[in-house]
Amino acid sequence: MLRNMLRSMRVTLHRSMILQIAVLAGFWALGEATVRLTHLPLPGGIVGMVVVLTLLGTGHIRPAVVRRGAGWLLAEMLLFFVPAVMAILDHGELMGLVGLKIAAVILTGTVMVMGGTALAVELCYRWRMRAAAPEAGHAA
């Protein structure tokens, strides 16, 4: 009985984008609570994202549990930037030299983050390929 109920809940979660978004929001709230309790100098969303990544990496959560919800959030990400754009309209000074300096910092930061991410992915890929090579030799 319990097994059937858990299976039903799992199927519902896999099919419901709203429930998946709620799960992701729950991890965000967990991250926020952790930051407030431990006084970490990090945003709660980052802590929650690390928890999700850890659970996905260890196999405690399957990607299907959050795939549709995360996909929707990524697809609609532009909506989350509308308030920032409206704030620029209220501050004309951002359209001059100060704005160019801020844009340069944002561009530089974006390039650094993308480069760092690409480097990390490449290093992890090489590490996994190196780790898999001896296993392939033993199987032969």
N, C-alpha and C. Protein backbone atom coordinates (compact mmCIF):
# COMPACT_ATOMS: atom_id res chain seq x y z
N MET A 1 0.83 -1.19 0.00
CA MET A 1 0.00 0.00 0.00
C MET A 1 0.88 1.26 0.00
N LEU A 2 1.84 1.31 0.91
CA LEU A 2 2.74 2.45 1.00
C LEU A 2 3.58 2.57 -0.27
N ARG A 3 4.02 1.44 -0.79
CA ARG A 3 4.82 1.44 -2.01
C ARG A 3 4.02 2.01 -3.18
N ASN A 4 2.74 1.63 -3.31
CA ASN A 4 1.89 2.15 -4.38
C ASN A 4 1.66 3.65 -4.23
N MET A 5 1.50 4.09 -2.98
CA MET A 5 1.28 5.50 -2.72
C MET A 5 2.54 6.32 -3.09
N LEU A 6 3.73 5.81 -2.72
CA LEU A 6 4.98 6.49 -3.07
C LEU A 6 5.18 6.53 -4.58
N ARG A 7 4.84 5.43 -5.25
CA ARG A 7 4.96 5.38 -6.71
C ARG A 7 4.02 6.40 -7.35
N SER A 8 2.81 6.50 -6.83
CA SER A 8 1.84 7.45 -7.36
C SER A 8 2.34 8.89 -7.16
N MET A 9 2.90 9.17 -6.00
CA MET A 9 3.44 10.50 -5.72
C MET A 9 4.61 10.80 -6.65
N ARG A 10 5.47 9.81 -6.89
CA ARG A 10 6.62 9.99 -7.76
C ARG A 10 6.17 10.28 -9.20
N VAL A 11 5.18 9.54 -9.68
CA VAL A 11 4.67 9.76 -11.04
C VAL A 11 4.05 11.15 -11.15
N THR A 12 3.29 11.56 -10.13
CA THR A 12 2.68 12.88 -10.13
C THR A 12 3.74 13.96 -10.16
N LEU A 13 4.80 13.79 -9.38
CA LEU A 13 5.89 14.78 -9.35
C LEU A 13 6.60 14.85 -10.70
N HIS A 14 6.81 13.71 -11.34
CA HIS A 14 7.49 13.70 -12.64
C HIS A 14 6.66 14.39 -13.72
N ARG A 15 5.35 14.36 -13.58
CA ARG A 15 4.47 14.92 -14.60
C ARG A 15 4.08 16.38 -14.33
N SER A 16 4.20 16.85 -13.10
CA SER A 16 3.70 18.17 -12.74
C SER A 16 4.82 19.20 -12.69
N MET A 17 4.77 20.13 -13.61
CA MET A 17 5.76 21.20 -13.62
C MET A 17 5.62 22.08 -12.39
N ILE A 18 4.40 22.33 -11.95
CA ILE A 18 4.16 23.18 -10.79
C ILE A 18 4.76 22.55 -9.53
N LEU A 19 4.59 21.25 -9.37
CA LEU A 19 5.19 20.59 -8.20
C LEU A 19 6.71 20.62 -8.27
N GLN A 20 7.25 20.49 -9.45
CA GLN A 20 8.71 20.55 -9.60
C GLN A 20 9.24 21.94 -9.26
N ILE A 21 8.52 22.97 -9.67
CA ILE A 21 8.91 24.33 -9.30
C ILE A 21 8.82 24.50 -7.79
N ALA A 22 7.79 23.91 -7.19
CA ALA A 22 7.66 23.97 -5.73
C ALA A 22 8.83 23.26 -5.05
N VAL A 23 9.28 22.15 -5.60
CA VAL A 23 10.44 21.45 -5.03
C VAL A 23 11.67 22.34 -5.11
N LEU A 24 11.88 22.98 -6.27
CA LEU A 24 13.03 23.87 -6.42
C LEU A 24 12.92 25.06 -5.47
N ALA A 25 11.72 25.60 -5.32
CA ALA A 25 11.51 26.71 -4.38
C ALA A 25 11.76 26.24 -2.94
N GLY A 26 11.42 25.00 -2.66
CA GLY A 26 11.69 24.45 -1.32
C GLY A 26 13.19 24.38 -1.04
N PHE A 27 13.97 24.00 -2.05
CA PHE A 27 15.43 23.98 -1.87
C PHE A 27 15.97 25.40 -1.71
N TRP A 28 15.38 26.35 -2.43
CA TRP A 28 15.77 27.75 -2.25
C TRP A 28 15.49 28.19 -0.82
N ALA A 29 14.29 27.87 -0.32
CA ALA A 29 13.93 28.24 1.05
C ALA A 29 14.85 27.56 2.06
N LEU A 30 15.21 26.31 1.80
CA LEU A 30 16.15 25.61 2.67
C LEU A 30 17.50 26.32 2.68
N GLY A 31 17.96 26.75 1.52
CA GLY A 31 19.20 27.49 1.42
C GLY A 31 19.13 28.81 2.17
N GLU A 32 18.02 29.52 2.03
CA GLU A 32 17.83 30.79 2.75
C GLU A 32 17.86 30.56 4.26
N ALA A 33 17.17 29.53 4.72
CA ALA A 33 17.15 29.23 6.16
C ALA A 33 18.55 28.87 6.66
N THR A 34 19.27 28.10 5.86
CA THR A 34 20.63 27.71 6.24
C THR A 34 21.53 28.93 6.37
N VAL A 35 21.43 29.85 5.40
CA VAL A 35 22.25 31.06 5.43
C VAL A 35 21.91 31.91 6.65
N ARG A 36 20.63 32.05 6.95
CA ARG A 36 20.23 32.87 8.10
C ARG A 36 20.67 32.25 9.42
N LEU A 37 20.59 30.92 9.51
CA LEU A 37 20.97 30.26 10.76
C LEU A 37 22.48 30.22 10.97
N THR A 38 23.23 30.04 9.89
CA THR A 38 24.68 29.89 10.01
C THR A 38 25.44 31.17 9.70
N HIS A 39 24.73 32.22 9.26
CA HIS A 39 25.35 33.51 8.93
C HIS A 39 26.42 33.37 7.85
N LEU A 40 26.18 32.48 6.89
CA LEU A 40 27.10 32.32 5.77
C LEU A 40 27.07 33.57 4.89
N PRO A 41 28.21 33.97 4.35
CA PRO A 41 28.23 35.15 3.47
C PRO A 41 27.89 34.80 2.02
N LEU A 42 26.87 33.99 1.83
CA LEU A 42 26.45 33.55 0.51
C LEU A 42 24.96 33.77 0.34
N PRO A 43 24.49 33.95 -0.89
CA PRO A 43 23.04 34.01 -1.11
C PRO A 43 22.40 32.64 -0.85
N GLY A 44 21.21 32.66 -0.28
CA GLY A 44 20.51 31.41 0.01
C GLY A 44 20.22 30.59 -1.22
N GLY A 45 19.97 31.26 -2.35
CA GLY A 45 19.71 30.54 -3.59
C GLY A 45 20.90 29.71 -4.04
N ILE A 46 22.10 30.22 -3.81
CA ILE A 46 23.31 29.48 -4.17
C ILE A 46 23.45 28.25 -3.29
N VAL A 47 23.20 28.41 -2.00
CA VAL A 47 23.29 27.28 -1.08
C VAL A 47 22.25 26.22 -1.46
N GLY A 48 21.03 26.64 -1.76
CA GLY A 48 20.01 25.70 -2.19
C GLY A 48 20.38 24.99 -3.48
N MET A 49 20.99 25.74 -4.43
CA MET A 49 21.41 25.14 -5.69
C MET A 49 22.52 24.11 -5.47
N VAL A 50 23.42 24.39 -4.53
CA VAL A 50 24.48 23.42 -4.22
C VAL A 50 23.87 22.15 -3.62
N VAL A 51 22.85 22.32 -2.77
CA VAL A 51 22.18 21.14 -2.19
C VAL A 51 21.54 20.31 -3.30
N VAL A 52 20.84 20.97 -4.23
CA VAL A 52 20.22 20.24 -5.35
C VAL A 52 21.28 19.55 -6.19
N LEU A 53 22.35 20.25 -6.50
CA LEU A 53 23.44 19.66 -7.29
C LEU A 53 24.04 18.45 -6.59
N THR A 54 24.24 18.57 -5.29
CA THR A 54 24.79 17.45 -4.52
C THR A 54 23.85 16.25 -4.56
N LEU A 55 22.56 16.49 -4.36
CA LEU A 55 21.59 15.40 -4.38
C LEU A 55 21.48 14.77 -5.77
N LEU A 56 21.57 15.59 -6.81
CA LEU A 56 21.55 15.05 -8.17
C LEU A 56 22.81 14.24 -8.44
N GLY A 57 23.95 14.77 -8.01
CA GLY A 57 25.23 14.10 -8.25
C GLY A 57 25.36 12.78 -7.52
N THR A 58 24.78 12.69 -6.33
CA THR A 58 24.87 11.46 -5.56
C THR A 58 23.77 10.46 -5.92
N GLY A 59 22.82 10.89 -6.74
CA GLY A 59 21.75 9.99 -7.15
C GLY A 59 20.58 9.93 -6.19
N HIS A 60 20.57 10.77 -5.16
CA HIS A 60 19.43 10.79 -4.22
C HIS A 60 18.19 11.41 -4.86
N ILE A 61 18.41 12.25 -5.86
CA ILE A 61 17.30 12.82 -6.63
C ILE A 61 17.59 12.54 -8.10
N ARG A 62 16.61 12.09 -8.81
CA ARG A 62 16.77 11.86 -10.24
C ARG A 62 16.49 13.16 -10.98
N PRO A 63 17.16 13.38 -12.09
CA PRO A 63 16.94 14.62 -12.85
C PRO A 63 15.48 14.82 -13.26
N ALA A 64 14.75 13.74 -13.49
CA ALA A 64 13.35 13.86 -13.91
C ALA A 64 12.49 14.55 -12.85
N VAL A 65 12.95 14.55 -11.60
CA VAL A 65 12.18 15.17 -10.52
C VAL A 65 12.12 16.69 -10.69
N VAL A 66 13.11 17.29 -11.30
CA VAL A 66 13.15 18.74 -11.44
C VAL A 66 13.28 19.22 -12.89
N ARG A 67 13.35 18.33 -13.85
CA ARG A 67 13.64 18.68 -15.25
C ARG A 67 12.62 19.66 -15.82
N ARG A 68 11.34 19.36 -15.74
CA ARG A 68 10.33 20.23 -16.36
C ARG A 68 10.24 21.58 -15.65
N GLY A 69 10.29 21.57 -14.33
CA GLY A 69 10.22 22.83 -13.58
C GLY A 69 11.43 23.71 -13.86
N ALA A 70 12.62 23.11 -13.85
CA ALA A 70 13.84 23.87 -14.12
C ALA A 70 13.84 24.38 -15.56
N GLY A 71 13.35 23.56 -16.48
CA GLY A 71 13.27 23.99 -17.88
C GLY A 71 12.37 25.19 -18.06
N TRP A 72 11.24 25.19 -17.37
CA TRP A 72 10.34 26.34 -17.46
C TRP A 72 10.98 27.58 -16.87
N LEU A 73 11.60 27.44 -15.69
CA LEU A 73 12.25 28.59 -15.06
C LEU A 73 13.35 29.17 -15.96
N LEU A 74 14.12 28.31 -16.59
CA LEU A 74 15.16 28.79 -17.50
C LEU A 74 14.57 29.46 -18.73
N ALA A 75 13.49 28.89 -19.26
CA ALA A 75 12.86 29.45 -20.45
C ALA A 75 12.26 30.83 -20.18
N GLU A 76 11.76 31.04 -18.97
CA GLU A 76 11.11 32.31 -18.62
C GLU A 76 12.02 33.23 -17.81
N MET A 77 13.32 32.98 -17.86
CA MET A 77 14.27 33.74 -17.05
C MET A 77 14.21 35.24 -17.35
N LEU A 78 13.91 35.61 -18.58
CA LEU A 78 13.86 37.01 -18.95
C LEU A 78 12.87 37.79 -18.08
N LEU A 79 11.79 37.15 -17.67
CA LEU A 79 10.80 37.82 -16.81
C LEU A 79 11.40 38.27 -15.49
N PHE A 80 12.40 37.55 -15.01
CA PHE A 80 13.01 37.89 -13.73
C PHE A 80 13.90 39.13 -13.84
N PHE A 81 14.23 39.55 -15.07
CA PHE A 81 15.08 40.72 -15.26
C PHE A 81 14.29 41.99 -15.53
N VAL A 82 12.98 41.91 -15.71
CA VAL A 82 12.17 43.08 -15.99
C VAL A 82 12.29 44.12 -14.88
N PRO A 83 12.22 43.77 -13.60
CA PRO A 83 12.37 44.80 -12.56
C PRO A 83 13.72 45.52 -12.63
N ALA A 84 14.79 44.83 -12.99
CA ALA A 84 16.09 45.47 -13.10
C ALA A 84 16.10 46.48 -14.24
N VAL A 85 15.48 46.16 -15.35
CA VAL A 85 15.42 47.08 -16.49
C VAL A 85 14.60 48.30 -16.12
N MET A 86 13.52 48.12 -15.40
CA MET A 86 12.68 49.26 -14.98
C MET A 86 13.45 50.17 -14.03
N ALA A 87 14.32 49.61 -13.20
CA ALA A 87 15.13 50.41 -12.29
C ALA A 87 16.10 51.30 -13.06
N ILE A 88 16.62 50.82 -14.18
CA ILE A 88 17.53 51.62 -15.00
C ILE A 88 16.81 52.85 -15.54
N LEU A 89 15.55 52.69 -15.88
CA LEU A 89 14.79 53.83 -16.39
C LEU A 89 14.61 54.91 -15.33
N ASP A 90 14.59 54.53 -14.07
CA ASP A 90 14.45 55.49 -12.98
C ASP A 90 15.75 56.21 -12.67
N HIS A 91 16.87 55.69 -13.11
CA HIS A 91 18.18 56.27 -12.79
C HIS A 91 18.91 56.61 -14.09
N GLY A 92 18.73 57.84 -14.54
CA GLY A 92 19.32 58.29 -15.78
C GLY A 92 20.84 58.28 -15.78
N GLU A 93 21.43 58.41 -14.59
CA GLU A 93 22.90 58.41 -14.51
C GLU A 93 23.52 57.09 -14.99
N LEU A 94 22.73 56.04 -14.99
CA LEU A 94 23.23 54.74 -15.45
C LEU A 94 23.37 54.70 -16.97
N MET A 95 22.85 55.70 -17.65
CA MET A 95 22.94 55.73 -19.10
C MET A 95 24.21 56.43 -19.58
N GLY A 96 25.05 56.94 -18.68
CA GLY A 96 26.27 57.65 -19.05
C GLY A 96 27.51 56.81 -18.76
N LEU A 97 28.56 57.50 -18.28
CA LEU A 97 29.84 56.85 -18.01
C LEU A 97 29.72 55.79 -16.92
N VAL A 98 28.93 56.09 -15.90
CA VAL A 98 28.73 55.11 -14.83
C VAL A 98 28.12 53.83 -15.39
N GLY A 99 27.16 53.99 -16.29
CA GLY A 99 26.54 52.83 -16.92
C GLY A 99 27.52 52.02 -17.75
N LEU A 100 28.43 52.72 -18.44
CA LEU A 100 29.44 52.01 -19.23
C LEU A 100 30.39 51.23 -18.33
N LYS A 101 30.75 51.83 -17.21
CA LYS A 101 31.63 51.13 -16.26
C LYS A 101 30.93 49.89 -15.71
N ILE A 102 29.67 50.04 -15.36
CA ILE A 102 28.90 48.89 -14.85
C ILE A 102 28.77 47.82 -15.92
N ALA A 103 28.50 48.24 -17.16
CA ALA A 103 28.38 47.27 -18.26
C ALA A 103 29.69 46.53 -18.47
N ALA A 104 30.83 47.25 -18.36
CA ALA A 104 32.13 46.61 -18.51
C ALA A 104 32.37 45.57 -17.41
N VAL A 105 31.98 45.91 -16.19
CA VAL A 105 32.14 44.96 -15.08
C VAL A 105 31.25 43.74 -15.31
N ILE A 106 30.01 43.98 -15.73
CA ILE A 106 29.10 42.86 -15.97
C ILE A 106 29.62 41.98 -17.11
N LEU A 107 30.07 42.59 -18.18
CA LEU A 107 30.61 41.83 -19.31
C LEU A 107 31.84 41.03 -18.90
N THR A 108 32.76 41.68 -18.19
CA THR A 108 33.95 40.98 -17.73
C THR A 108 33.60 39.83 -16.80
N GLY A 109 32.69 40.10 -15.87
CA GLY A 109 32.27 39.04 -14.95
C GLY A 109 31.61 37.87 -15.66
N THR A 110 30.78 38.19 -16.65
CA THR A 110 30.12 37.13 -17.41
C THR A 110 31.12 36.27 -18.16
N VAL A 111 32.09 36.93 -18.80
CA VAL A 111 33.11 36.19 -19.54
C VAL A 111 33.93 35.31 -18.58
N MET A 112 34.26 35.85 -17.41
CA MET A 112 35.03 35.08 -16.43
C MET A 112 34.23 33.86 -15.92
N VAL A 113 32.95 34.07 -15.65
CA VAL A 113 32.12 32.96 -15.17
C VAL A 113 31.96 31.90 -16.25
N MET A 114 31.71 32.33 -17.48
CA MET A 114 31.56 31.37 -18.57
C MET A 114 32.86 30.62 -18.83
N GLY A 115 33.97 31.35 -18.80
CA GLY A 115 35.27 30.70 -18.99
C GLY A 115 35.59 29.74 -17.86
N GLY A 116 35.31 30.15 -16.63
CA GLY A 116 35.54 29.27 -15.48
C GLY A 116 34.68 28.02 -15.54
N THR A 117 33.43 28.20 -15.96
CA THR A 117 32.52 27.05 -16.08
C THR A 117 33.02 26.11 -17.18
N ALA A 118 33.41 26.67 -18.30
CA ALA A 118 33.92 25.83 -19.40
C ALA A 118 35.17 25.08 -18.97
N LEU A 119 36.06 25.75 -18.25
CA LEU A 119 37.27 25.10 -17.76
C LEU A 119 36.94 23.98 -16.78
N ALA A 120 36.00 24.24 -15.87
CA ALA A 120 35.62 23.21 -14.89
C ALA A 120 34.99 22.00 -15.59
N VAL A 121 34.13 22.25 -16.57
CA VAL A 121 33.50 21.15 -17.31
C VAL A 121 34.56 20.35 -18.06
N GLU A 122 35.49 21.05 -18.72
CA GLU A 122 36.55 20.37 -19.46
C GLU A 122 37.42 19.53 -18.53
N LEU A 123 37.81 20.09 -17.39
CA LEU A 123 38.65 19.35 -16.45
C LEU A 123 37.92 18.12 -15.89
N CYS A 124 36.64 18.29 -15.56
CA CYS A 124 35.85 17.14 -15.06
C CYS A 124 35.69 16.08 -16.14
N TYR A 125 35.48 16.51 -17.38
CA TYR A 125 35.35 15.56 -18.48
C TYR A 125 36.64 14.77 -18.65
N ARG A 126 37.78 15.46 -18.64
CA ARG A 126 39.06 14.77 -18.77
C ARG A 126 39.31 13.84 -17.59
N TRP A 127 38.96 14.29 -16.40
CA TRP A 127 39.13 13.47 -15.19
C TRP A 127 38.30 12.19 -15.30
N ARG A 128 37.04 12.33 -15.75
CA ARG A 128 36.18 11.15 -15.88
C ARG A 128 36.68 10.21 -16.97
N MET A 129 37.18 10.78 -18.07
CA MET A 129 37.70 9.94 -19.15
C MET A 129 38.95 9.19 -18.68
N ARG A 130 39.81 9.86 -17.91
CA ARG A 130 41.00 9.22 -17.38
C ARG A 130 40.63 8.11 -16.39
N ALA A 131 39.59 8.37 -15.58
CA ALA A 131 39.15 7.37 -14.61
C ALA A 131 38.50 6.18 -15.30
N ALA A 132 37.84 6.43 -16.43
CA ALA A 132 37.16 5.34 -17.15
C ALA A 132 38.13 4.52 -17.97
N ALA A 133 39.26 5.08 -18.35
CA ALA A 133 40.23 4.36 -19.20
C ALA A 133 40.78 3.10 -18.54
N PRO A 134 41.21 3.12 -17.27
CA PRO A 134 41.69 1.88 -16.65
C PRO A 134 40.59 0.82 -16.51
N GLU A 135 39.35 1.28 -16.28
CA GLU A 135 38.25 0.33 -16.16
C GLU A 135 38.01 -0.39 -17.47
N ALA A 136 38.16 0.33 -18.59
CA ALA A 136 37.97 -0.28 -19.90
C ALA A 136 39.07 -1.30 -20.16
N GLY A 137 40.27 -1.01 -19.66
CA GLY A 137 41.39 -1.96 -19.83
C GLY A 137 41.19 -3.22 -19.04
N HIS A 138 40.56 -3.13 -17.84
CA HIS A 138 40.30 -4.32 -17.04
C HIS A 138 39.20 -5.20 -17.64
N ALA A 139 38.26 -4.56 -18.33
CA ALA A 139 37.14 -5.32 -18.89
C ALA A 139 37.60 -6.18 -20.07
N ALA A 140 38.67 -5.80 -20.74
CA ALA A 140 39.12 -6.54 -21.92
C ALA A 140 39.84 -7.81 -21.58
